[in-house]
C-alpha cells in the first residue's frame, strides 16, 4: 500500500522549561517546518560559519552549532524571548535550546515513521499442521 499524501511538514509545540544555569523559566509556543533542500543547505552553511573553518573544533561545539543553525532556519513562529535571544545564541541555558531541538527531532522521527515505517501488518499465513507418524 502506498501513501497517498504526505503528513504535514509543520509542527507546533509548546515548551515550558527551567534554565539549568539561570533558573529562569522559559515558555512559549514554537512552529517548526521540516527543512527542504534549500533550508538544509542554509543550515549547513550557518553551521560551517559558526565552526569558523576550525578542523580541531571539539564535537560538542560542532553539535551546538548544528543545533543552533537548524533552529535558526527551521523555526518560523516563536515567542518574543526567543527572538530577543537571537535564536538561542544569547541564552545561558543550553538545556532550553536542547529541549526545543529535541521536540523538533521527535517530530522528524514521527514524520519519518509515518512515511517509511511499517504501513500495515500482514496476517501471518498458517502453516499446515504436520502429520504425526504413529507407530
C-alpha atoms as a PDB file:
ATOM      1  CA  UNK A   1       0.000   0.000   0.000  1.00  0.00           C
ATOM      2  CA  UNK A   2       1.496   3.349  -0.968  1.00  0.00           C
ATOM      3  CA  UNK A   3       0.946   6.609   0.858  1.00  0.00           C
ATOM      4  CA  UNK A   4      -1.450   8.956  -0.973  1.00  0.00           C
ATOM      5  CA  UNK A   5      -0.483  12.208   0.768  1.00  0.00           C
ATOM      6  CA  UNK A   6       2.472  13.148   2.891  1.00  0.00           C
ATOM      7  CA  UNK A   7       1.888  14.119   6.512  1.00  0.00           C
ATOM      8  CA  UNK A   8       2.176  17.800   7.374  1.00  0.00           C
ATOM      9  CA  UNK A   9       5.671  19.259   7.122  1.00  0.00           C
ATOM     10  CA  UNK A  10       4.947  21.615  10.020  1.00  0.00           C
ATOM     11  CA  UNK A  11       4.695  21.032  13.745  1.00  0.00           C
ATOM     12  CA  UNK A  12       3.623  23.400  16.523  1.00  0.00           C
ATOM     13  CA  UNK A  13       4.593  22.662  20.112  1.00  0.00           C
ATOM     14  CA  UNK A  14       4.848  24.355  23.489  1.00  0.00           C
ATOM     15  CA  UNK A  15       7.860  24.397  25.775  1.00  0.00           C
ATOM     16  CA  UNK A  16       7.967  25.242  29.465  1.00  0.00           C
ATOM     17  CA  UNK A  17      11.399  24.617  30.896  1.00  0.00           C
ATOM     18  CA  UNK A  18      13.527  25.939  33.743  1.00  0.00           C
ATOM     19  CA  UNK A  19      17.019  27.003  32.745  1.00  0.00           C
ATOM     20  CA  UNK A  20      19.722  24.795  34.266  1.00  0.00           C
ATOM     21  CA  UNK A  21      22.114  27.743  34.588  1.00  0.00           C
ATOM     22  CA  UNK A  22      19.949  30.759  35.423  1.00  0.00           C
ATOM     23  CA  UNK A  23      16.889  29.073  36.944  1.00  0.00           C
ATOM     24  CA  UNK A  24      14.697  31.277  34.747  1.00  0.00           C
ATOM     25  CA  UNK A  25      11.585  29.628  33.303  1.00  0.00           C
ATOM     26  CA  UNK A  26      11.216  29.814  29.543  1.00  0.00           C
ATOM     27  CA  UNK A  27       7.904  29.016  27.980  1.00  0.00           C
ATOM     28  CA  UNK A  28       6.196  29.586  24.707  1.00  0.00           C
ATOM     29  CA  UNK A  29       4.856  28.099  21.524  1.00  0.00           C
ATOM     30  CA  UNK A  30       7.070  27.292  18.554  1.00  0.00           C
ATOM     31  CA  UNK A  31       6.326  26.258  14.985  1.00  0.00           C
ATOM     32  CA  UNK A  32       8.830  24.129  13.109  1.00  0.00           C
ATOM     33  CA  UNK A  33       8.957  23.317   9.395  1.00  0.00           C
ATOM     34  CA  UNK A  34      10.864  20.323   8.052  1.00  0.00           C
ATOM     35  CA  UNK A  35      13.894  21.597   6.145  1.00  0.00           C
ATOM     36  CA  UNK A  36      13.760  21.233   2.367  1.00  0.00           C
ATOM     37  CA  UNK A  37      16.954  21.063   0.282  1.00  0.00           C
ATOM     38  CA  UNK A  38      17.452  24.844   0.307  1.00  0.00           C
ATOM     39  CA  UNK A  39      16.953  25.029   4.064  1.00  0.00           C
ATOM     40  CA  UNK A  40      19.295  22.064   4.631  1.00  0.00           C
ATOM     41  CA  UNK A  41      21.911  23.955   2.632  1.00  0.00           C
ATOM     42  CA  UNK A  42      21.330  27.095   4.741  1.00  0.00           C
ATOM     43  CA  UNK A  43      21.686  25.026   7.918  1.00  0.00           C
ATOM     44  CA  UNK A  44      24.969  23.512   6.715  1.00  0.00           C
ATOM     45  CA  UNK A  45      26.355  26.937   5.701  1.00  0.00           C
ATOM     46  CA  UNK A  46      25.400  28.532   9.033  1.00  0.00           C
ATOM     47  CA  UNK A  47      26.914  25.643  10.985  1.00  0.00           C
ATOM     48  CA  UNK A  48      30.114  25.924   8.917  1.00  0.00           C
ATOM     49  CA  UNK A  49      30.264  29.671   9.607  1.00  0.00           C
ATOM     50  CA  UNK A  50      29.862  29.020  13.318  1.00  0.00           C
ATOM     51  CA  UNK A  51      32.587  26.371  13.149  1.00  0.00           C
ATOM     52  CA  UNK A  52      34.824  29.049  11.635  1.00  0.00           C
ATOM     53  CA  UNK A  53      36.706  26.571   9.465  1.00  0.00           C
ATOM     54  CA  UNK A  54      38.442  25.124  12.524  1.00  0.00           C
ATOM     55  CA  UNK A  55      39.330  21.491  11.913  1.00  0.00           C
ATOM     56  CA  UNK A  56      40.178  20.729  15.526  1.00  0.00           C
ATOM     57  CA  UNK A  57      36.909  22.067  16.935  1.00  0.00           C
ATOM     58  CA  UNK A  58      35.528  19.706  19.572  1.00  0.00           C
ATOM     59  CA  UNK A  59      32.473  17.592  18.735  1.00  0.00           C
ATOM     60  CA  UNK A  60      30.299  19.168  21.449  1.00  0.00           C
ATOM     61  CA  UNK A  61      30.776  22.621  19.956  1.00  0.00           C
ATOM     62  CA  UNK A  62      30.098  21.324  16.431  1.00  0.00           C
ATOM     63  CA  UNK A  63      26.880  19.746  17.732  1.00  0.00           C
ATOM     64  CA  UNK A  64      25.821  23.005  19.393  1.00  0.00           C
ATOM     65  CA  UNK A  65      26.486  24.845  16.133  1.00  0.00           C
ATOM     66  CA  UNK A  66      24.418  22.341  14.166  1.00  0.00           C
ATOM     67  CA  UNK A  67      21.524  22.608  16.646  1.00  0.00           C
ATOM     68  CA  UNK A  68      21.525  26.413  16.626  1.00  0.00           C
ATOM     69  CA  UNK A  69      21.752  26.519  12.823  1.00  0.00           C
ATOM     70  CA  UNK A  70      18.887  24.033  12.499  1.00  0.00           C
ATOM     71  CA  UNK A  71      16.646  26.026  14.825  1.00  0.00           C
ATOM     72  CA  UNK A  72      17.565  29.303  13.122  1.00  0.00           C
ATOM     73  CA  UNK A  73      16.419  28.072   9.731  1.00  0.00           C
ATOM     74  CA  UNK A  74      13.509  25.790  10.641  1.00  0.00           C
ATOM     75  CA  UNK A  75      11.570  27.649  13.356  1.00  0.00           C
ATOM     76  CA  UNK A  76       9.153  30.135  11.826  1.00  0.00           C
ATOM     77  CA  UNK A  77       6.996  31.083  14.829  1.00  0.00           C
ATOM     78  CA  UNK A  78       8.386  31.549  18.305  1.00  0.00           C
ATOM     79  CA  UNK A  79       7.964  33.625  21.463  1.00  0.00           C
ATOM     80  CA  UNK A  80       9.461  37.100  21.791  1.00  0.00           C
ATOM     81  CA  UNK A  81      12.118  35.906  24.258  1.00  0.00           C
ATOM     82  CA  UNK A  82      13.455  33.507  21.594  1.00  0.00           C
ATOM     83  CA  UNK A  83      13.722  36.377  19.120  1.00  0.00           C
ATOM     84  CA  UNK A  84      15.449  38.590  21.726  1.00  0.00           C
ATOM     85  CA  UNK A  85      17.932  35.794  22.455  1.00  0.00           C
ATOM     86  CA  UNK A  86      18.946  35.779  18.766  1.00  0.00           C
ATOM     87  CA  UNK A  87      17.522  32.304  18.261  1.00  0.00           C
ATOM     88  CA  UNK A  88      19.068  30.904  21.419  1.00  0.00           C
ATOM     89  CA  UNK A  89      22.586  32.219  20.785  1.00  0.00           C
ATOM     90  CA  UNK A  90      22.389  34.696  23.674  1.00  0.00           C
ATOM     91  CA  UNK A  91      20.921  32.300  26.239  1.00  0.00           C
ATOM     92  CA  UNK A  92      22.944  30.974  29.182  1.00  0.00           C
ATOM     93  CA  UNK A  93      20.805  27.847  29.499  1.00  0.00           C
ATOM     94  CA  UNK A  94      21.651  25.333  26.811  1.00  0.00           C
ATOM     95  CA  UNK A  95      19.015  22.946  28.163  1.00  0.00           C
ATOM     96  CA  UNK A  96      16.367  25.327  26.784  1.00  0.00           C
ATOM     97  CA  UNK A  97      17.861  25.160  23.287  1.00  0.00           C
ATOM     98  CA  UNK A  98      18.255  21.412  23.647  1.00  0.00           C
ATOM     99  CA  UNK A  99      14.617  20.922  24.684  1.00  0.00           C
ATOM    100  CA  UNK A 100      13.359  22.874  21.653  1.00  0.00           C
ATOM    101  CA  UNK A 101      15.627  20.899  19.322  1.00  0.00           C
ATOM    102  CA  UNK A 102      14.560  17.620  20.932  1.00  0.00           C
ATOM    103  CA  UNK A 103      10.909  18.434  20.208  1.00  0.00           C
ATOM    104  CA  UNK A 104      11.764  19.188  16.567  1.00  0.00           C
ATOM    105  CA  UNK A 105      13.672  15.906  16.197  1.00  0.00           C
ATOM    106  CA  UNK A 106      10.819  13.978  17.800  1.00  0.00           C
ATOM    107  CA  UNK A 107       8.541  15.376  15.093  1.00  0.00           C
ATOM    108  CA  UNK A 108      11.112  14.430  12.427  1.00  0.00           C
ATOM    109  CA  UNK A 109      11.246  10.863  13.724  1.00  0.00           C
ATOM    110  CA  UNK A 110       7.445  10.595  13.917  1.00  0.00           C
ATOM    111  CA  UNK A 111       7.127  12.013  10.391  1.00  0.00           C
ATOM    112  CA  UNK A 112       9.688   9.567   9.022  1.00  0.00           C
ATOM    113  CA  UNK A 113       7.933   6.654  10.723  1.00  0.00           C
ATOM    114  CA  UNK A 114       4.580   7.676   9.216  1.00  0.00           C
ATOM    115  CA  UNK A 115       6.089   7.796   5.737  1.00  0.00           C
ATOM    116  CA  UNK A 116       8.582   4.934   5.810  1.00  0.00           C
ATOM    117  CA  UNK A 117       7.509   2.795   8.769  1.00  0.00           C
ATOM    118  CA  UNK A 118       5.518  -0.386   8.535  1.00  0.00           C
ATOM    119  CA  UNK A 119       2.305   0.525   6.737  1.00  0.00           C
ATOM    120  CA  UNK A 120       0.122  -2.334   7.822  1.00  0.00           C
ATOM    121  CA  UNK A 121       0.844  -5.671   9.321  1.00  0.00           C
ATOM    122  CA  UNK A 122       0.054  -8.578   7.079  1.00  0.00           C
ATOM    123  CA  UNK A 123      -1.669 -11.504   8.729  1.00  0.00           C
ATOM    124  CA  UNK A 124       0.597 -14.487   9.105  1.00  0.00           C
ATOM    125  CA  UNK A 125      -0.258 -17.429   6.947  1.00  0.00           C
ATOM    126  CA  UNK A 126      -0.821 -20.528   8.962  1.00  0.00           C
ATOM    127  CA  UNK A 127       1.346 -23.429   8.027  1.00  0.00           C
ATOM    128  CA  UNK A 128      -0.467 -26.705   7.602  1.00  0.00           C
ATOM    129  CA  UNK A 129      -0.113 -28.934  10.622  1.00  0.00           C
ATOM    130  CA  UNK A 130       2.399 -31.719  10.207  1.00  0.00           C
ATOM    131  CA  UNK A 131       1.055 -35.180  10.397  1.00  0.00           C
ATOM    132  CA  UNK A 132       2.448 -37.171  13.198  1.00  0.00           C
ATOM    133  CA  UNK A 133       3.527 -40.671  12.456  1.00  0.00           C
ATOM    134  CA  UNK A 134       2.215 -43.219  14.870  1.00  0.00           C
ATOM    135  CA  UNK A 135       3.944 -46.471  15.109  1.00  0.00           C
END
